[in-house]
Amino acid sequence: MPEVVEHGRAGTIVSDSDPKTIARALRELIASPDKLSERRMAAMTGLDPFKAMNMASNYDSVYAEAVARFAHP
């Protein structure tokens, strides 16, 4: 998920095969509610491009451009 989650800003990226690292990361977030809240807000903002309405608008733009470029006279 590193291509979606910015480590330290919108989340914490850890190895899924290392339970101790996962536990440590969770303890750090539980111990710091402010940090957890900041990351939650950053994560929610980071999801904006993936909302259905935004994606539909982007697809519409891509299709409109493709039609304009390749339409036969």
PDB file of N, CA and C in Angstrom:
ATOM      1  N   MET A   1       0.790  -1.202   0.000  1.00  0.00           N
ATOM      2  CA  MET A   1       0.000   0.000   0.000  1.00  0.00           C
ATOM      3  C   MET A   1       0.839   1.277   0.000  1.00  0.00           C
ATOM      4  N   PRO A   2       2.148   1.209  -0.097  1.00  0.00           N
ATOM      5  CA  PRO A   2       2.932   2.447  -0.071  1.00  0.00           C
ATOM      6  C   PRO A   2       2.574   3.408  -1.193  1.00  0.00           C
ATOM      7  N   GLU A   3       1.986   2.902  -2.272  1.00  0.00           N
ATOM      8  CA  GLU A   3       1.605   3.802  -3.354  1.00  0.00           C
ATOM      9  C   GLU A   3       0.354   4.602  -3.003  1.00  0.00           C
ATOM     10  N   VAL A   4      -0.360   4.203  -1.949  1.00  0.00           N
ATOM     11  CA  VAL A   4      -1.570   4.906  -1.530  1.00  0.00           C
ATOM     12  C   VAL A   4      -1.379   5.584  -0.178  1.00  0.00           C
ATOM     13  N   VAL A   5      -0.671   4.930   0.727  1.00  0.00           N
ATOM     14  CA  VAL A   5      -0.497   5.437   2.090  1.00  0.00           C
ATOM     15  C   VAL A   5       0.871   6.084   2.233  1.00  0.00           C
ATOM     16  N   GLU A   6       0.871   7.342   2.615  1.00  0.00           N
ATOM     17  CA  GLU A   6       2.142   8.031   2.865  1.00  0.00           C
ATOM     18  C   GLU A   6       2.562   7.732   4.299  1.00  0.00           C
ATOM     19  N   HIS A   7       3.602   6.918   4.442  1.00  0.00           N
ATOM     20  CA  HIS A   7       4.064   6.473   5.762  1.00  0.00           C
ATOM     21  C   HIS A   7       4.367   7.668   6.663  1.00  0.00           C
ATOM     22  N   GLY A   8       3.826   7.617   7.879  1.00  0.00           N
ATOM     23  CA  GLY A   8       4.082   8.665   8.856  1.00  0.00           C
ATOM     24  C   GLY A   8       3.156   9.859   8.731  1.00  0.00           C
ATOM     25  N   ARG A   9       2.421   9.945   7.636  1.00  0.00           N
ATOM     26  CA  ARG A   9       1.491  11.057   7.461  1.00  0.00           C
ATOM     27  C   ARG A   9       0.050  10.553   7.447  1.00  0.00           C
ATOM     28  N   ALA A  10      -0.240   9.617   6.572  1.00  0.00           N
ATOM     29  CA  ALA A  10      -1.602   9.108   6.437  1.00  0.00           C
ATOM     30  C   ALA A  10      -1.721   7.679   6.958  1.00  0.00           C
ATOM     31  N   GLY A  11      -0.674   7.191   7.562  1.00  0.00           N
ATOM     32  CA  GLY A  11      -0.703   5.837   8.090  1.00  0.00           C
ATOM     33  C   GLY A  11       0.686   5.372   8.453  1.00  0.00           C
ATOM     34  N   THR A  12       0.745   4.127   8.848  1.00  0.00           N
ATOM     35  CA  THR A  12       2.015   3.512   9.196  1.00  0.00           C
ATOM     36  C   THR A  12       2.145   2.232   8.385  1.00  0.00           C
ATOM     37  N   ILE A  13       3.211   2.123   7.654  1.00  0.00           N
ATOM     38  CA  ILE A  13       3.427   0.935   6.835  1.00  0.00           C
ATOM     39  C   ILE A  13       4.395   0.017   7.567  1.00  0.00           C
ATOM     40  N   VAL A  14       3.937  -1.204   7.823  1.00  0.00           N
ATOM     41  CA  VAL A  14       4.771  -2.201   8.496  1.00  0.00           C
ATOM     42  C   VAL A  14       4.662  -3.516   7.739  1.00  0.00           C
ATOM     43  N   SER A  15       5.612  -4.378   7.981  1.00  0.00           N
ATOM     44  CA  SER A  15       5.596  -5.704   7.360  1.00  0.00           C
ATOM     45  C   SER A  15       4.461  -6.527   7.964  1.00  0.00           C
ATOM     46  N   ASP A  16       3.644  -7.119   7.113  1.00  0.00           N
ATOM     47  CA  ASP A  16       2.539  -7.930   7.622  1.00  0.00           C
ATOM     48  C   ASP A  16       3.008  -9.275   8.171  1.00  0.00           C
ATOM     49  N   SER A  17       4.275  -9.573   8.007  1.00  0.00           N
ATOM     50  CA  SER A  17       4.796 -10.849   8.502  1.00  0.00           C
ATOM     51  C   SER A  17       5.563 -10.687   9.814  1.00  0.00           C
ATOM     52  N   ASP A  18       5.493  -9.488  10.404  1.00  0.00           N
ATOM     53  CA  ASP A  18       6.222  -9.235  11.649  1.00  0.00           C
ATOM     54  C   ASP A  18       5.256  -8.731  12.725  1.00  0.00           C
ATOM     55  N   PRO A  19       4.655  -9.648  13.488  1.00  0.00           N
ATOM     56  CA  PRO A  19       3.671  -9.261  14.498  1.00  0.00           C
ATOM     57  C   PRO A  19       4.202  -8.265  15.528  1.00  0.00           C
ATOM     58  N   LYS A  20       5.477  -8.361  15.879  1.00  0.00           N
ATOM     59  CA  LYS A  20       6.034  -7.436  16.876  1.00  0.00           C
ATOM     60  C   LYS A  20       6.045  -6.010  16.345  1.00  0.00           C
ATOM     61  N   THR A  21       6.369  -5.840  15.085  1.00  0.00           N
ATOM     62  CA  THR A  21       6.383  -4.508  14.486  1.00  0.00           C
ATOM     63  C   THR A  21       4.965  -3.957  14.388  1.00  0.00           C
ATOM     64  N   ILE A  22       4.020  -4.809  14.032  1.00  0.00           N
ATOM     65  CA  ILE A  22       2.619  -4.383  13.965  1.00  0.00           C
ATOM     66  C   ILE A  22       2.151  -3.951  15.348  1.00  0.00           C
ATOM     67  N   ALA A  23       2.451  -4.749  16.362  1.00  0.00           N
ATOM     68  CA  ALA A  23       2.046  -4.429  17.735  1.00  0.00           C
ATOM     69  C   ALA A  23       2.676  -3.122  18.196  1.00  0.00           C
ATOM     70  N   ARG A  24       3.946  -2.909  17.888  1.00  0.00           N
ATOM     71  CA  ARG A  24       4.631  -1.675  18.279  1.00  0.00           C
ATOM     72  C   ARG A  24       3.965  -0.460  17.620  1.00  0.00           C
ATOM     73  N   ALA A  25       3.661  -0.578  16.345  1.00  0.00           N
ATOM     74  CA  ALA A  25       3.020   0.529  15.624  1.00  0.00           C
ATOM     75  C   ALA A  25       1.645   0.832  16.214  1.00  0.00           C
ATOM     76  N   LEU A  26       0.897  -0.205  16.548  1.00  0.00           N
ATOM     77  CA  LEU A  26      -0.420   0.006  17.155  1.00  0.00           C
ATOM     78  C   LEU A  26      -0.309   0.642  18.532  1.00  0.00           C
ATOM     79  N   ARG A  27       0.657   0.191  19.336  1.00  0.00           N
ATOM     80  CA  ARG A  27       0.854   0.787  20.664  1.00  0.00           C
ATOM     81  C   ARG A  27       1.189   2.270  20.556  1.00  0.00           C
ATOM     82  N   GLU A  28       2.030   2.620  19.582  1.00  0.00           N
ATOM     83  CA  GLU A  28       2.403   4.025  19.395  1.00  0.00           C
ATOM     84  C   GLU A  28       1.181   4.877  19.063  1.00  0.00           C
ATOM     85  N   LEU A  29       0.308   4.369  18.221  1.00  0.00           N
ATOM     86  CA  LEU A  29      -0.889   5.130  17.862  1.00  0.00           C
ATOM     87  C   LEU A  29      -1.880   5.206  19.021  1.00  0.00           C
ATOM     88  N   ILE A  30      -2.025   4.119  19.754  1.00  0.00           N
ATOM     89  CA  ILE A  30      -2.927   4.125  20.910  1.00  0.00           C
ATOM     90  C   ILE A  30      -2.427   5.104  21.962  1.00  0.00           C
ATOM     91  N   ALA A  31      -1.116   5.196  22.124  1.00  0.00           N
ATOM     92  CA  ALA A  31      -0.525   6.092  23.121  1.00  0.00           C
ATOM     93  C   ALA A  31      -0.568   7.554  22.692  1.00  0.00           C
ATOM     94  N   SER A  32      -0.854   7.816  21.434  1.00  0.00           N
ATOM     95  CA  SER A  32      -0.850   9.188  20.932  1.00  0.00           C
ATOM     96  C   SER A  32      -2.127   9.469  20.139  1.00  0.00           C
ATOM     97  N   PRO A  33      -3.225   9.771  20.849  1.00  0.00           N
ATOM     98  CA  PRO A  33      -4.491  10.030  20.165  1.00  0.00           C
ATOM     99  C   PRO A  33      -4.409  11.185  19.160  1.00  0.00           C
ATOM    100  N   ASP A  34      -3.581  12.186  19.444  1.00  0.00           N
ATOM    101  CA  ASP A  34      -3.445  13.305  18.502  1.00  0.00           C
ATOM    102  C   ASP A  34      -2.823  12.835  17.190  1.00  0.00           C
ATOM    103  N   LYS A  35      -1.786  12.016  17.290  1.00  0.00           N
ATOM    104  CA  LYS A  35      -1.133  11.480  16.090  1.00  0.00           C
ATOM    105  C   LYS A  35      -2.118  10.604  15.309  1.00  0.00           C
ATOM    106  N   LEU A  36      -2.884   9.800  16.028  1.00  0.00           N
ATOM    107  CA  LEU A  36      -3.878   8.944  15.385  1.00  0.00           C
ATOM    108  C   LEU A  36      -4.911   9.788  14.640  1.00  0.00           C
ATOM    109  N   SER A  37      -5.373  10.848  15.277  1.00  0.00           N
ATOM    110  CA  SER A  37      -6.358  11.730  14.651  1.00  0.00           C
ATOM    111  C   SER A  37      -5.795  12.408  13.405  1.00  0.00           C
ATOM    112  N   GLU A  38      -4.557  12.876  13.490  1.00  0.00           N
ATOM    113  CA  GLU A  38      -3.915  13.514  12.332  1.00  0.00           C
ATOM    114  C   GLU A  38      -3.796  12.531  11.168  1.00  0.00           C
ATOM    115  N   ARG A  39      -3.399  11.322  11.463  1.00  0.00           N
ATOM    116  CA  ARG A  39      -3.246  10.315  10.406  1.00  0.00           C
ATOM    117  C   ARG A  39      -4.597   9.925   9.819  1.00  0.00           C
ATOM    118  N   ARG A  40      -5.600   9.844  10.680  1.00  0.00           N
ATOM    119  CA  ARG A  40      -6.937   9.512  10.196  1.00  0.00           C
ATOM    120  C   ARG A  40      -7.419  10.578   9.217  1.00  0.00           C
ATOM    121  N   MET A  41      -7.243  11.852   9.577  1.00  0.00           N
ATOM    122  CA  MET A  41      -7.678  12.945   8.702  1.00  0.00           C
ATOM    123  C   MET A  41      -6.894  12.937   7.386  1.00  0.00           C
ATOM    124  N   ALA A  42      -5.594  12.721   7.464  1.00  0.00           N
ATOM    125  CA  ALA A  42      -4.769  12.676   6.250  1.00  0.00           C
ATOM    126  C   ALA A  42      -5.183  11.502   5.365  1.00  0.00           C
ATOM    127  N   ALA A  43      -5.499  10.380   5.985  1.00  0.00           N
ATOM    128  CA  ALA A  43      -5.923   9.206   5.217  1.00  0.00           C
ATOM    129  C   ALA A  43      -7.249   9.473   4.519  1.00  0.00           C
ATOM    130  N   MET A  44      -8.179  10.104   5.215  1.00  0.00           N
ATOM    131  CA  MET A  44      -9.476  10.407   4.609  1.00  0.00           C
ATOM    132  C   MET A  44      -9.315  11.373   3.439  1.00  0.00           C
ATOM    133  N   THR A  45      -8.465  12.368   3.609  1.00  0.00           N
ATOM    134  CA  THR A  45      -8.213  13.322   2.527  1.00  0.00           C
ATOM    135  C   THR A  45      -7.555  12.618   1.349  1.00  0.00           C
ATOM    136  N   GLY A  46      -6.666  11.707   1.640  1.00  0.00           N
ATOM    137  CA  GLY A  46      -5.975  10.973   0.588  1.00  0.00           C
ATOM    138  C   GLY A  46      -6.890  10.071  -0.229  1.00  0.00           C
ATOM    139  N   LEU A  47      -8.061   9.769   0.310  1.00  0.00           N
ATOM    140  CA  LEU A  47      -9.012   8.924  -0.411  1.00  0.00           C
ATOM    141  C   LEU A  47      -9.861   9.701  -1.404  1.00  0.00           C
ATOM    142  N   ASP A  48      -9.842  11.022  -1.334  1.00  0.00           N
ATOM    143  CA  ASP A  48     -10.685  11.838  -2.214  1.00  0.00           C
ATOM    144  C   ASP A  48     -10.587  11.456  -3.688  1.00  0.00           C
ATOM    145  N   PRO A  49      -9.387  11.248  -4.231  1.00  0.00           N
ATOM    146  CA  PRO A  49      -9.321  10.896  -5.653  1.00  0.00           C
ATOM    147  C   PRO A  49     -10.007   9.570  -5.993  1.00  0.00           C
ATOM    148  N   PHE A  50     -10.230   8.726  -4.990  1.00  0.00           N
ATOM    149  CA  PHE A  50     -10.806   7.410  -5.233  1.00  0.00           C
ATOM    150  C   PHE A  50     -12.311   7.356  -4.991  1.00  0.00           C
ATOM    151  N   LYS A  51     -12.905   8.487  -4.607  1.00  0.00           N
ATOM    152  CA  LYS A  51     -14.356   8.521  -4.422  1.00  0.00           C
ATOM    153  C   LYS A  51     -15.024   8.334  -5.776  1.00  0.00           C
ATOM    154  N   ALA A  52     -16.147   7.648  -5.771  1.00  0.00           N
ATOM    155  CA  ALA A  52     -16.824   7.284  -7.021  1.00  0.00           C
ATOM    156  C   ALA A  52     -17.084   8.492  -7.913  1.00  0.00           C
ATOM    157  N   MET A  53     -17.545   9.592  -7.350  1.00  0.00           N
ATOM    158  CA  MET A  53     -17.864  10.762  -8.163  1.00  0.00           C
ATOM    159  C   MET A  53     -16.608  11.328  -8.827  1.00  0.00           C
ATOM    160  N   ASN A  54     -15.514  11.386  -8.094  1.00  0.00           N
ATOM    161  CA  ASN A  54     -14.264  11.892  -8.667  1.00  0.00           C
ATOM    162  C   ASN A  54     -13.730  10.959  -9.746  1.00  0.00           C
ATOM    163  N   MET A  55     -13.803   9.667  -9.494  1.00  0.00           N
ATOM    164  CA  MET A  55     -13.318   8.708 -10.490  1.00  0.00           C
ATOM    165  C   MET A  55     -14.175   8.765 -11.754  1.00  0.00           C
ATOM    166  N   ALA A  56     -15.491   8.881 -11.577  1.00  0.00           N
ATOM    167  CA  ALA A  56     -16.378   8.973 -12.740  1.00  0.00           C
ATOM    168  C   ALA A  56     -16.056  10.213 -13.558  1.00  0.00           C
ATOM    169  N   SER A  57     -15.811  11.315 -12.879  1.00  0.00           N
ATOM    170  CA  SER A  57     -15.467  12.556 -13.577  1.00  0.00           C
ATOM    171  C   SER A  57     -14.151  12.405 -14.336  1.00  0.00           C
ATOM    172  N   ASN A  58     -13.181  11.755 -13.706  1.00  0.00           N
ATOM    173  CA  ASN A  58     -11.890  11.535 -14.367  1.00  0.00           C
ATOM    174  C   ASN A  58     -12.039  10.635 -15.591  1.00  0.00           C
ATOM    175  N   TYR A  59     -12.816   9.560 -15.454  1.00  0.00           N
ATOM    176  CA  TYR A  59     -13.044   8.674 -16.599  1.00  0.00           C
ATOM    177  C   TYR A  59     -13.751   9.420 -17.721  1.00  0.00           C
ATOM    178  N   ASP A  60     -14.726  10.236 -17.354  1.00  0.00           N
ATOM    179  CA  ASP A  60     -15.458  11.017 -18.350  1.00  0.00           C
ATOM    180  C   ASP A  60     -14.501  11.919 -19.126  1.00  0.00           C
ATOM    181  N   SER A  61     -13.592  12.558 -18.414  1.00  0.00           N
ATOM    182  CA  SER A  61     -12.612  13.432 -19.069  1.00  0.00           C
ATOM    183  C   SER A  61     -11.701  12.649 -20.011  1.00  0.00           C
ATOM    184  N   VAL A  62     -11.257  11.491 -19.568  1.00  0.00           N
ATOM    185  CA  VAL A  62     -10.373  10.659 -20.399  1.00  0.00           C
ATOM    186  C   VAL A  62     -11.105  10.207 -21.657  1.00  0.00           C
ATOM    187  N   TYR A  63     -12.342   9.740 -21.503  1.00  0.00           N
ATOM    188  CA  TYR A  63     -13.107   9.288 -22.668  1.00  0.00           C
ATOM    189  C   TYR A  63     -13.401  10.440 -23.622  1.00  0.00           C
ATOM    190  N   ALA A  64     -13.755  11.599 -23.076  1.00  0.00           N
ATOM    191  CA  ALA A  64     -14.036  12.762 -23.928  1.00  0.00           C
ATOM    192  C   ALA A  64     -12.795  13.154 -24.724  1.00  0.00           C
ATOM    193  N   GLU A  65     -11.638  13.119 -24.074  1.00  0.00           N
ATOM    194  CA  GLU A  65     -10.390  13.452 -24.771  1.00  0.00           C
ATOM    195  C   GLU A  65     -10.079  12.415 -25.855  1.00  0.00           C
ATOM    196  N   ALA A  66     -10.294  11.145 -25.540  1.00  0.00           N
ATOM    197  CA  ALA A  66     -10.034  10.086 -26.525  1.00  0.00           C
ATOM    198  C   ALA A  66     -10.946  10.241 -27.739  1.00  0.00           C
ATOM    199  N   VAL A  67     -12.204  10.532 -27.503  1.00  0.00           N
ATOM    200  CA  VAL A  67     -13.144  10.715 -28.609  1.00  0.00           C
ATOM    201  C   VAL A  67     -12.740  11.920 -29.444  1.00  0.00           C
ATOM    202  N   ALA A  68     -12.369  13.005 -28.783  1.00  0.00           N
ATOM    203  CA  ALA A  68     -11.972  14.217 -29.507  1.00  0.00           C
ATOM    204  C   ALA A  68     -10.725  13.975 -30.355  1.00  0.00           C
ATOM    205  N   ARG A  69      -9.798  13.197 -29.845  1.00  0.00           N
ATOM    206  CA  ARG A  69      -8.548  12.951 -30.577  1.00  0.00           C
ATOM    207  C   ARG A  69      -8.715  11.988 -31.741  1.00  0.00           C
ATOM    208  N   PHE A  70      -9.565  11.000 -31.551  1.00  0.00           N
ATOM    209  CA  PHE A  70      -9.629   9.919 -32.529  1.00  0.00           C
ATOM    210  C   PHE A  70     -10.944   9.847 -33.299  1.00  0.00           C
ATOM    211  N   ALA A  71     -11.791  10.835 -33.132  1.00  0.00           N
ATOM    212  CA  ALA A  71     -13.071  10.841 -33.851  1.00  0.00           C
ATOM    213  C   ALA A  71     -12.815  11.014 -35.345  1.00  0.00           C
ATOM    214  N   HIS A  72     -13.568  10.311 -36.118  1.00  0.00           N
ATOM    215  CA  HIS A  72     -13.445  10.435 -37.575  1.00  0.00           C
ATOM    216  C   HIS A  72     -14.328  11.583 -38.049  1.00  0.00           C
ATOM    217  N   PRO A  73     -13.815  12.388 -38.990  1.00  0.00           N
ATOM    218  CA  PRO A  73     -14.608  13.534 -39.474  1.00  0.00           C
ATOM    219  C   PRO A  73     -15.840  13.107 -40.246  1.00  0.00           C
TER     220      PRO A  73
END
